Amino acid sequence: LVTSAIPVPDGFAVRIIPKPLNKGYI
């Protein structure tokens, strides 16, 4: 998703949303 070790703080979540113009599956 990213190439550097960016921390996600405790209590936070990462939402992954497919781009609206995608033609297939993620």
mmCIF file of all heavy atoms, coordinates in Angstrom:
data_MODEL
# 
_entry.id   MODEL 
# 
loop_
_atom_site.group_PDB 
_atom_site.id 
_atom_site.type_symbol 
_atom_site.label_atom_id 
_atom_site.label_alt_id 
_atom_site.label_comp_id 
_atom_site.label_asym_id 
_atom_site.label_entity_id 
_atom_site.label_seq_id 
_atom_site.pdbx_PDB_ins_code 
_atom_site.Cartn_x 
_atom_site.Cartn_y 
_atom_site.Cartn_z 
_atom_site.occupancy 
_atom_site.B_iso_or_equiv 
_atom_site.pdbx_formal_charge 
_atom_site.auth_seq_id 
_atom_site.auth_comp_id 
_atom_site.auth_asym_id 
_atom_site.auth_atom_id 
_atom_site.pdbx_PDB_model_num 
ATOM 1   N N   . LEU A 1 1  ? 0.835   -1.199 0.000   1.00 0.00 ? 1  LEU A N   1 
ATOM 2   C CA  . LEU A 1 1  ? 0.000   0.000  0.000   1.00 0.00 ? 1  LEU A CA  1 
ATOM 3   C C   . LEU A 1 1  ? 0.871   1.251  0.000   1.00 0.00 ? 1  LEU A C   1 
ATOM 4   O O   . LEU A 1 1  ? 0.611   2.203  -0.724  1.00 0.00 ? 1  LEU A O   1 
ATOM 5   C CB  . LEU A 1 1  ? -0.933  -0.018 1.217   1.00 0.00 ? 1  LEU A CB  1 
ATOM 6   C CG  . LEU A 1 1  ? -1.968  1.079  1.303   1.00 0.00 ? 1  LEU A CG  1 
ATOM 7   C CD1 . LEU A 1 1  ? -2.953  1.024  0.146   1.00 0.00 ? 1  LEU A CD1 1 
ATOM 8   C CD2 . LEU A 1 1  ? -2.710  0.999  2.629   1.00 0.00 ? 1  LEU A CD2 1 
ATOM 9   N N   . VAL A 1 2  ? 1.910   1.254  0.811   1.00 0.00 ? 2  VAL A N   1 
ATOM 10  C CA  . VAL A 1 2  ? 2.942   2.295  0.832   1.00 0.00 ? 2  VAL A CA  1 
ATOM 11  C C   . VAL A 1 2  ? 4.284   1.592  0.982   1.00 0.00 ? 2  VAL A C   1 
ATOM 12  O O   . VAL A 1 2  ? 4.347   0.465  1.459   1.00 0.00 ? 2  VAL A O   1 
ATOM 13  C CB  . VAL A 1 2  ? 2.742   3.328  1.977   1.00 0.00 ? 2  VAL A CB  1 
ATOM 14  C CG1 . VAL A 1 2  ? 1.433   4.071  1.827   1.00 0.00 ? 2  VAL A CG1 1 
ATOM 15  C CG2 . VAL A 1 2  ? 2.836   2.671  3.336   1.00 0.00 ? 2  VAL A CG2 1 
ATOM 16  N N   . THR A 1 3  ? 5.362   2.249  0.614   1.00 0.00 ? 3  THR A N   1 
ATOM 17  C CA  . THR A 1 3  ? 6.670   1.593  0.664   1.00 0.00 ? 3  THR A CA  1 
ATOM 18  C C   . THR A 1 3  ? 7.482   1.937  1.906   1.00 0.00 ? 3  THR A C   1 
ATOM 19  O O   . THR A 1 3  ? 8.549   1.378  2.111   1.00 0.00 ? 3  THR A O   1 
ATOM 20  C CB  . THR A 1 3  ? 7.496   1.939  -0.588  1.00 0.00 ? 3  THR A CB  1 
ATOM 21  O OG1 . THR A 1 3  ? 7.603   3.358  -0.695  1.00 0.00 ? 3  THR A OG1 1 
ATOM 22  C CG2 . THR A 1 3  ? 6.845   1.373  -1.845  1.00 0.00 ? 3  THR A CG2 1 
ATOM 23  N N   . SER A 1 4  ? 6.991   2.842  2.735   1.00 0.00 ? 4  SER A N   1 
ATOM 24  C CA  . SER A 1 4  ? 7.710   3.156  3.971   1.00 0.00 ? 4  SER A CA  1 
ATOM 25  C C   . SER A 1 4  ? 6.897   2.679  5.172   1.00 0.00 ? 4  SER A C   1 
ATOM 26  O O   . SER A 1 4  ? 5.681   2.522  5.092   1.00 0.00 ? 4  SER A O   1 
ATOM 27  C CB  . SER A 1 4  ? 7.989   4.660  4.075   1.00 0.00 ? 4  SER A CB  1 
ATOM 28  O OG  . SER A 1 4  ? 6.789   5.395  3.996   1.00 0.00 ? 4  SER A OG  1 
ATOM 29  N N   . ALA A 1 5  ? 7.572   2.462  6.282   1.00 0.00 ? 5  ALA A N   1 
ATOM 30  C CA  . ALA A 1 5  ? 6.940   1.917  7.487   1.00 0.00 ? 5  ALA A CA  1 
ATOM 31  C C   . ALA A 1 5  ? 6.193   3.021  8.244   1.00 0.00 ? 5  ALA A C   1 
ATOM 32  O O   . ALA A 1 5  ? 6.620   3.464  9.304   1.00 0.00 ? 5  ALA A O   1 
ATOM 33  C CB  . ALA A 1 5  ? 7.982   1.257  8.375   1.00 0.00 ? 5  ALA A CB  1 
ATOM 34  N N   . ILE A 1 6  ? 5.073   3.469  7.700   1.00 0.00 ? 6  ILE A N   1 
ATOM 35  C CA  . ILE A 1 6  ? 4.272   4.507  8.354   1.00 0.00 ? 6  ILE A CA  1 
ATOM 36  C C   . ILE A 1 6  ? 3.411   3.842  9.424   1.00 0.00 ? 6  ILE A C   1 
ATOM 37  O O   . ILE A 1 6  ? 2.587   2.976  9.121   1.00 0.00 ? 6  ILE A O   1 
ATOM 38  C CB  . ILE A 1 6  ? 3.384   5.244  7.336   1.00 0.00 ? 6  ILE A CB  1 
ATOM 39  C CG1 . ILE A 1 6  ? 4.252   5.928  6.282   1.00 0.00 ? 6  ILE A CG1 1 
ATOM 40  C CG2 . ILE A 1 6  ? 2.469   6.242  8.041   1.00 0.00 ? 6  ILE A CG2 1 
ATOM 41  C CD1 . ILE A 1 6  ? 3.484   6.501  5.115   1.00 0.00 ? 6  ILE A CD1 1 
ATOM 42  N N   . PRO A 1 7  ? 3.582   4.208  10.695  1.00 0.00 ? 7  PRO A N   1 
ATOM 43  C CA  . PRO A 1 7  ? 2.815   3.567  11.760  1.00 0.00 ? 7  PRO A CA  1 
ATOM 44  C C   . PRO A 1 7  ? 1.346   3.983  11.737  1.00 0.00 ? 7  PRO A C   1 
ATOM 45  O O   . PRO A 1 7  ? 1.001   5.095  11.338  1.00 0.00 ? 7  PRO A O   1 
ATOM 46  C CB  . PRO A 1 7  ? 3.494   4.044  13.041  1.00 0.00 ? 7  PRO A CB  1 
ATOM 47  C CG  . PRO A 1 7  ? 4.204   5.292  12.666  1.00 0.00 ? 7  PRO A CG  1 
ATOM 48  C CD  . PRO A 1 7  ? 4.525   5.202  11.218  1.00 0.00 ? 7  PRO A CD  1 
ATOM 49  N N   . VAL A 1 8  ? 0.502   3.054  12.161  1.00 0.00 ? 8  VAL A N   1 
ATOM 50  C CA  . VAL A 1 8  ? -0.917  3.325  12.372  1.00 0.00 ? 8  VAL A CA  1 
ATOM 51  C C   . VAL A 1 8  ? -1.115  3.319  13.878  1.00 0.00 ? 8  VAL A C   1 
ATOM 52  O O   . VAL A 1 8  ? -0.882  2.303  14.533  1.00 0.00 ? 8  VAL A O   1 
ATOM 53  C CB  . VAL A 1 8  ? -1.811  2.256  11.707  1.00 0.00 ? 8  VAL A CB  1 
ATOM 54  C CG1 . VAL A 1 8  ? -3.276  2.513  12.016  1.00 0.00 ? 8  VAL A CG1 1 
ATOM 55  C CG2 . VAL A 1 8  ? -1.570  2.222  10.205  1.00 0.00 ? 8  VAL A CG2 1 
ATOM 56  N N   . PRO A 1 9  ? -1.521  4.438  14.457  1.00 0.00 ? 9  PRO A N   1 
ATOM 57  C CA  . PRO A 1 9  ? -1.653  4.517  15.911  1.00 0.00 ? 9  PRO A CA  1 
ATOM 58  C C   . PRO A 1 9  ? -2.686  3.535  16.466  1.00 0.00 ? 9  PRO A C   1 
ATOM 59  O O   . PRO A 1 9  ? -3.643  3.170  15.773  1.00 0.00 ? 9  PRO A O   1 
ATOM 60  C CB  . PRO A 1 9  ? -2.108  5.965  16.154  1.00 0.00 ? 9  PRO A CB  1 
ATOM 61  C CG  . PRO A 1 9  ? -1.742  6.711  14.925  1.00 0.00 ? 9  PRO A CG  1 
ATOM 62  C CD  . PRO A 1 9  ? -1.831  5.721  13.811  1.00 0.00 ? 9  PRO A CD  1 
ATOM 63  N N   . ASP A 1 10 ? -2.499  3.134  17.703  1.00 0.00 ? 10 ASP A N   1 
ATOM 64  C CA  . ASP A 1 10 ? -3.491  2.294  18.383  1.00 0.00 ? 10 ASP A CA  1 
ATOM 65  C C   . ASP A 1 10 ? -4.844  2.978  18.337  1.00 0.00 ? 10 ASP A C   1 
ATOM 66  O O   . ASP A 1 10 ? -4.948  4.198  18.514  1.00 0.00 ? 10 ASP A O   1 
ATOM 67  C CB  . ASP A 1 10 ? -3.094  2.055  19.847  1.00 0.00 ? 10 ASP A CB  1 
ATOM 68  C CG  . ASP A 1 10 ? -1.928  1.102  19.992  1.00 0.00 ? 10 ASP A CG  1 
ATOM 69  O OD1 . ASP A 1 10 ? -1.634  0.362  19.019  1.00 0.00 ? 10 ASP A OD1 1 
ATOM 70  O OD2 . ASP A 1 10 ? -1.306  1.084  21.057  1.00 0.00 ? 10 ASP A OD2 1 
ATOM 71  N N   . GLY A 1 11 ? -5.873  2.192  18.111  1.00 0.00 ? 11 GLY A N   1 
ATOM 72  C CA  . GLY A 1 11 ? -7.221  2.728  18.064  1.00 0.00 ? 11 GLY A CA  1 
ATOM 73  C C   . GLY A 1 11 ? -7.623  3.255  16.694  1.00 0.00 ? 11 GLY A C   1 
ATOM 74  O O   . GLY A 1 11 ? -8.756  3.686  16.503  1.00 0.00 ? 11 GLY A O   1 
ATOM 75  N N   . PHE A 1 12 ? -6.704  3.230  15.721  1.00 0.00 ? 12 PHE A N   1 
ATOM 76  C CA  . PHE A 1 12 ? -7.006  3.692  14.370  1.00 0.00 ? 12 PHE A CA  1 
ATOM 77  C C   . PHE A 1 12 ? -7.102  2.489  13.431  1.00 0.00 ? 12 PHE A C   1 
ATOM 78  O O   . PHE A 1 12 ? -6.488  1.462  13.667  1.00 0.00 ? 12 PHE A O   1 
ATOM 79  C CB  . PHE A 1 12 ? -5.912  4.628  13.857  1.00 0.00 ? 12 PHE A CB  1 
ATOM 80  C CG  . PHE A 1 12 ? -5.962  6.006  14.420  1.00 0.00 ? 12 PHE A CG  1 
ATOM 81  C CD1 . PHE A 1 12 ? -5.643  6.238  15.758  1.00 0.00 ? 12 PHE A CD1 1 
ATOM 82  C CD2 . PHE A 1 12 ? -6.307  7.086  13.630  1.00 0.00 ? 12 PHE A CD2 1 
ATOM 83  C CE1 . PHE A 1 12 ? -5.673  7.521  16.282  1.00 0.00 ? 12 PHE A CE1 1 
ATOM 84  C CE2 . PHE A 1 12 ? -6.347  8.378  14.148  1.00 0.00 ? 12 PHE A CE2 1 
ATOM 85  C CZ  . PHE A 1 12 ? -6.029  8.589  15.483  1.00 0.00 ? 12 PHE A CZ  1 
ATOM 86  N N   . ALA A 1 13 ? -7.889  2.627  12.372  1.00 0.00 ? 13 ALA A N   1 
ATOM 87  C CA  . ALA A 1 13 ? -8.035  1.580  11.361  1.00 0.00 ? 13 ALA A CA  1 
ATOM 88  C C   . ALA A 1 13 ? -7.706  2.170  9.991   1.00 0.00 ? 13 ALA A C   1 
ATOM 89  O O   . ALA A 1 13 ? -7.828  3.373  9.776   1.00 0.00 ? 13 ALA A O   1 
ATOM 90  C CB  . ALA A 1 13 ? -9.448  1.028  11.366  1.00 0.00 ? 13 ALA A CB  1 
ATOM 91  N N   . VAL A 1 14 ? -7.324  1.301  9.072   1.00 0.00 ? 14 VAL A N   1 
ATOM 92  C CA  . VAL A 1 14 ? -7.070  1.694  7.691   1.00 0.00 ? 14 VAL A CA  1 
ATOM 93  C C   . VAL A 1 14 ? -8.281  1.246  6.864   1.00 0.00 ? 14 VAL A C   1 
ATOM 94  O O   . VAL A 1 14 ? -8.577  0.052  6.794   1.00 0.00 ? 14 VAL A O   1 
ATOM 95  C CB  . VAL A 1 14 ? -5.798  1.031  7.127   1.00 0.00 ? 14 VAL A CB  1 
ATOM 96  C CG1 . VAL A 1 14 ? -5.567  1.459  5.690   1.00 0.00 ? 14 VAL A CG1 1 
ATOM 97  C CG2 . VAL A 1 14 ? -4.601  1.343  7.996   1.00 0.00 ? 14 VAL A CG2 1 
ATOM 98  N N   . ARG A 1 15 ? -8.973  2.202  6.276   1.00 0.00 ? 15 ARG A N   1 
ATOM 99  C CA  . ARG A 1 15 ? -10.083 1.885  5.365   1.00 0.00 ? 15 ARG A CA  1 
ATOM 100 C C   . ARG A 1 15 ? -9.533  1.815  3.953   1.00 0.00 ? 15 ARG A C   1 
ATOM 101 O O   . ARG A 1 15 ? -8.853  2.719  3.496   1.00 0.00 ? 15 ARG A O   1 
ATOM 102 C CB  . ARG A 1 15 ? -11.175 2.955  5.432   1.00 0.00 ? 15 ARG A CB  1 
ATOM 103 C CG  . ARG A 1 15 ? -11.991 2.876  6.689   1.00 0.00 ? 15 ARG A CG  1 
ATOM 104 C CD  . ARG A 1 15 ? -13.042 3.956  6.803   1.00 0.00 ? 15 ARG A CD  1 
ATOM 105 N NE  . ARG A 1 15 ? -13.897 4.035  5.631   1.00 0.00 ? 15 ARG A NE  1 
ATOM 106 C CZ  . ARG A 1 15 ? -14.567 5.133  5.300   1.00 0.00 ? 15 ARG A CZ  1 
ATOM 107 N NH1 . ARG A 1 15 ? -14.481 6.230  6.026   1.00 0.00 ? 15 ARG A NH1 1 
ATOM 108 N NH2 . ARG A 1 15 ? -15.344 5.141  4.237   1.00 0.00 ? 15 ARG A NH2 1 
ATOM 109 N N   . ILE A 1 16 ? -9.841  0.711  3.268   1.00 0.00 ? 16 ILE A N   1 
ATOM 110 C CA  . ILE A 1 16 ? -9.416  0.493  1.895   1.00 0.00 ? 16 ILE A CA  1 
ATOM 111 C C   . ILE A 1 16 ? -10.671 0.561  1.020   1.00 0.00 ? 16 ILE A C   1 
ATOM 112 O O   . ILE A 1 16 ? -11.615 -0.201 1.214   1.00 0.00 ? 16 ILE A O   1 
ATOM 113 C CB  . ILE A 1 16 ? -8.738  -0.886 1.716   1.00 0.00 ? 16 ILE A CB  1 
ATOM 114 C CG1 . ILE A 1 16 ? -7.599  -1.087 2.727   1.00 0.00 ? 16 ILE A CG1 1 
ATOM 115 C CG2 . ILE A 1 16 ? -8.285  -1.081 0.281   1.00 0.00 ? 16 ILE A CG2 1 
ATOM 116 C CD1 . ILE A 1 16 ? -6.398  -0.236 2.503   1.00 0.00 ? 16 ILE A CD1 1 
ATOM 117 N N   . ILE A 1 17 ? -10.645 1.471  0.038   1.00 0.00 ? 17 ILE A N   1 
ATOM 118 C CA  . ILE A 1 17 ? -11.817 1.722  -0.795  1.00 0.00 ? 17 ILE A CA  1 
ATOM 119 C C   . ILE A 1 17 ? -11.401 1.612  -2.266  1.00 0.00 ? 17 ILE A C   1 
ATOM 120 O O   . ILE A 1 17 ? -10.535 2.378  -2.721  1.00 0.00 ? 17 ILE A O   1 
ATOM 121 C CB  . ILE A 1 17 ? -12.373 3.133  -0.520  1.00 0.00 ? 17 ILE A CB  1 
ATOM 122 C CG1 . ILE A 1 17 ? -12.633 3.310  0.973   1.00 0.00 ? 17 ILE A CG1 1 
ATOM 123 C CG2 . ILE A 1 17 ? -13.621 3.402  -1.350  1.00 0.00 ? 17 ILE A CG2 1 
ATOM 124 C CD1 . ILE A 1 17 ? -12.701 4.755  1.419   1.00 0.00 ? 17 ILE A CD1 1 
ATOM 125 N N   . PRO A 1 18 ? -11.977 0.670  -3.028  1.00 0.00 ? 18 PRO A N   1 
ATOM 126 C CA  . PRO A 1 18 ? -11.642 0.579  -4.449  1.00 0.00 ? 18 PRO A CA  1 
ATOM 127 C C   . PRO A 1 18 ? -11.987 1.884  -5.181  1.00 0.00 ? 18 PRO A C   1 
ATOM 128 O O   . PRO A 1 18 ? -12.990 2.531  -4.882  1.00 0.00 ? 18 PRO A O   1 
ATOM 129 C CB  . PRO A 1 18 ? -12.512 -0.572 -4.964  1.00 0.00 ? 18 PRO A CB  1 
ATOM 130 C CG  . PRO A 1 18 ? -12.761 -1.407 -3.743  1.00 0.00 ? 18 PRO A CG  1 
ATOM 131 C CD  . PRO A 1 18 ? -12.881 -0.411 -2.622  1.00 0.00 ? 18 PRO A CD  1 
ATOM 132 N N   . LYS A 1 19 ? -11.148 2.274  -6.136  1.00 0.00 ? 19 LYS A N   1 
ATOM 133 C CA  . LYS A 1 19 ? -11.380 3.481  -6.929  1.00 0.00 ? 19 LYS A CA  1 
ATOM 134 C C   . LYS A 1 19 ? -12.684 3.325  -7.724  1.00 0.00 ? 19 LYS A C   1 
ATOM 135 O O   . LYS A 1 19 ? -12.986 2.237  -8.219  1.00 0.00 ? 19 LYS A O   1 
ATOM 136 C CB  . LYS A 1 19 ? -10.217 3.728  -7.881  1.00 0.00 ? 19 LYS A CB  1 
ATOM 137 C CG  . LYS A 1 19 ? -8.858  3.811  -7.219  1.00 0.00 ? 19 LYS A CG  1 
ATOM 138 C CD  . LYS A 1 19 ? -8.587  5.101  -6.553  1.00 0.00 ? 19 LYS A CD  1 
ATOM 139 C CE  . LYS A 1 19 ? -8.245  6.123  -7.607  1.00 0.00 ? 19 LYS A CE  1 
ATOM 140 N NZ  . LYS A 1 19 ? -8.157  7.447  -7.062  1.00 0.00 ? 19 LYS A NZ  1 
ATOM 141 N N   . PRO A 1 20 ? -13.470 4.387  -7.855  1.00 0.00 ? 20 PRO A N   1 
ATOM 142 C CA  . PRO A 1 20 ? -14.779 4.292  -8.505  1.00 0.00 ? 20 PRO A CA  1 
ATOM 143 C C   . PRO A 1 20 ? -14.753 3.899  -9.978  1.00 0.00 ? 20 PRO A C   1 
ATOM 144 O O   . PRO A 1 20 ? -15.734 3.376  -10.486 1.00 0.00 ? 20 PRO A O   1 
ATOM 145 C CB  . PRO A 1 20 ? -15.378 5.692  -8.335  1.00 0.00 ? 20 PRO A CB  1 
ATOM 146 C CG  . PRO A 1 20 ? -14.302 6.559  -7.823  1.00 0.00 ? 20 PRO A CG  1 
ATOM 147 C CD  . PRO A 1 20 ? -13.194 5.713  -7.322  1.00 0.00 ? 20 PRO A CD  1 
ATOM 148 N N   . LEU A 1 21 ? -13.642 4.096  -10.677 1.00 0.00 ? 21 LEU A N   1 
ATOM 149 C CA  . LEU A 1 21 ? -13.565 3.729  -12.092 1.00 0.00 ? 21 LEU A CA  1 
ATOM 150 C C   . LEU A 1 21 ? -12.896 2.372  -12.339 1.00 0.00 ? 21 LEU A C   1 
ATOM 151 O O   . LEU A 1 21 ? -12.647 2.007  -13.495 1.00 0.00 ? 21 LEU A O   1 
ATOM 152 C CB  . LEU A 1 21 ? -12.836 4.829  -12.882 1.00 0.00 ? 21 LEU A CB  1 
ATOM 153 C CG  . LEU A 1 21 ? -13.528 6.197  -12.863 1.00 0.00 ? 21 LEU A CG  1 
ATOM 154 C CD1 . LEU A 1 21 ? -12.714 7.219  -13.639 1.00 0.00 ? 21 LEU A CD1 1 
ATOM 155 C CD2 . LEU A 1 21 ? -14.952 6.113  -13.394 1.00 0.00 ? 21 LEU A CD2 1 
ATOM 156 N N   . ASN A 1 22 ? -12.625 1.615  -11.266 1.00 0.00 ? 22 ASN A N   1 
ATOM 157 C CA  . ASN A 1 22 ? -12.047 0.274  -11.429 1.00 0.00 ? 22 ASN A CA  1 
ATOM 158 C C   . ASN A 1 22 ? -12.946 -0.584 -12.307 1.00 0.00 ? 22 ASN A C   1 
ATOM 159 O O   . ASN A 1 22 ? -14.176 -0.472 -12.269 1.00 0.00 ? 22 ASN A O   1 
ATOM 160 C CB  . ASN A 1 22 ? -11.879 -0.418 -10.072 1.00 0.00 ? 22 ASN A CB  1 
ATOM 161 C CG  . ASN A 1 22 ? -10.700 0.084  -9.284  1.00 0.00 ? 22 ASN A CG  1 
ATOM 162 O OD1 . ASN A 1 22 ? -9.938  0.927  -9.731  1.00 0.00 ? 22 ASN A OD1 1 
ATOM 163 N ND2 . ASN A 1 22 ? -10.547 -0.436 -8.081  1.00 0.00 ? 22 ASN A ND2 1 
ATOM 164 N N   . LYS A 1 23 ? -12.323 -1.478 -13.054 1.00 0.00 ? 23 LYS A N   1 
ATOM 165 C CA  . LYS A 1 23 ? -13.063 -2.414 -13.919 1.00 0.00 ? 23 LYS A CA  1 
ATOM 166 C C   . LYS A 1 23 ? -13.091 -3.835 -13.351 1.00 0.00 ? 23 LYS A C   1 
ATOM 167 O O   . LYS A 1 23 ? -13.843 -4.669 -13.821 1.00 0.00 ? 23 LYS A O   1 
ATOM 168 C CB  . LYS A 1 23 ? -12.438 -2.453 -15.308 1.00 0.00 ? 23 LYS A CB  1 
ATOM 169 C CG  . LYS A 1 23 ? -12.374 -1.110 -15.993 1.00 0.00 ? 23 LYS A CG  1 
ATOM 170 C CD  . LYS A 1 23 ? -13.754 -0.618 -16.338 1.00 0.00 ? 23 LYS A CD  1 
ATOM 171 C CE  . LYS A 1 23 ? -13.643 0.703  -17.087 1.00 0.00 ? 23 LYS A CE  1 
ATOM 172 N NZ  . LYS A 1 23 ? -14.788 1.548  -16.915 1.00 0.00 ? 23 LYS A NZ  1 
ATOM 173 N N   . GLY A 1 24 ? -12.245 -4.105 -12.367 1.00 0.00 ? 24 GLY A N   1 
ATOM 174 C CA  . GLY A 1 24 ? -12.155 -5.462 -11.816 1.00 0.00 ? 24 GLY A CA  1 
ATOM 175 C C   . GLY A 1 24 ? -12.196 -5.466 -10.303 1.00 0.00 ? 24 GLY A C   1 
ATOM 176 O O   . GLY A 1 24 ? -12.776 -4.573 -9.683  1.00 0.00 ? 24 GLY A O   1 
ATOM 177 N N   . TYR A 1 25 ? -11.560 -6.479 -9.709  1.00 0.00 ? 25 TYR A N   1 
ATOM 178 C CA  . TYR A 1 25 ? -11.554 -6.662 -8.261  1.00 0.00 ? 25 TYR A CA  1 
ATOM 179 C C   . TYR A 1 25 ? -10.208 -6.275 -7.667  1.00 0.00 ? 25 TYR A C   1 
ATOM 180 O O   . TYR A 1 25 ? -9.167  -6.391 -8.322  1.00 0.00 ? 25 TYR A O   1 
ATOM 181 C CB  . TYR A 1 25 ? -11.837 -8.127 -7.901  1.00 0.00 ? 25 TYR A CB  1 
ATOM 182 C CG  . TYR A 1 25 ? -13.246 -8.538 -8.225  1.00 0.00 ? 25 TYR A CG  1 
ATOM 183 C CD1 . TYR A 1 25 ? -13.533 -9.237 -9.388  1.00 0.00 ? 25 TYR A CD1 1 
ATOM 184 C CD2 . TYR A 1 25 ? -14.289 -8.224 -7.364  1.00 0.00 ? 25 TYR A CD2 1 
ATOM 185 C CE1 . TYR A 1 25 ? -14.831 -9.620 -9.693  1.00 0.00 ? 25 TYR A CE1 1 
ATOM 186 C CE2 . TYR A 1 25 ? -15.587 -8.600 -7.656  1.00 0.00 ? 25 TYR A CE2 1 
ATOM 187 C CZ  . TYR A 1 25 ? -15.850 -9.295 -8.824  1.00 0.00 ? 25 TYR A CZ  1 
ATOM 188 O OH  . TYR A 1 25 ? -17.130 -9.655 -9.113  1.00 0.00 ? 25 TYR A OH  1 
ATOM 189 N N   . ILE A 1 26 ? -10.243 -5.869 -6.411  1.00 0.00 ? 26 ILE A N   1 
ATOM 190 C CA  . ILE A 1 26 ? -9.047  -5.578 -5.626  1.00 0.00 ? 26 ILE A CA  1 
ATOM 191 C C   . ILE A 1 26 ? -8.873  -6.692 -4.605  1.00 0.00 ? 26 ILE A C   1 
ATOM 192 O O   . ILE A 1 26 ? -9.827  -7.084 -3.937  1.00 0.00 ? 26 ILE A O   1 
ATOM 193 C CB  . ILE A 1 26 ? -9.184  -4.224 -4.886  1.00 0.00 ? 26 ILE A CB  1 
ATOM 194 C CG1 . ILE A 1 26 ? -9.265  -3.075 -5.882  1.00 0.00 ? 26 ILE A CG1 1 
ATOM 195 C CG2 . ILE A 1 26 ? -8.058  -4.032 -3.878  1.00 0.00 ? 26 ILE A CG2 1 
ATOM 196 C CD1 . ILE A 1 26 ? -8.010  -2.846 -6.718  1.00 0.00 ? 26 ILE A CD1 1 
# 
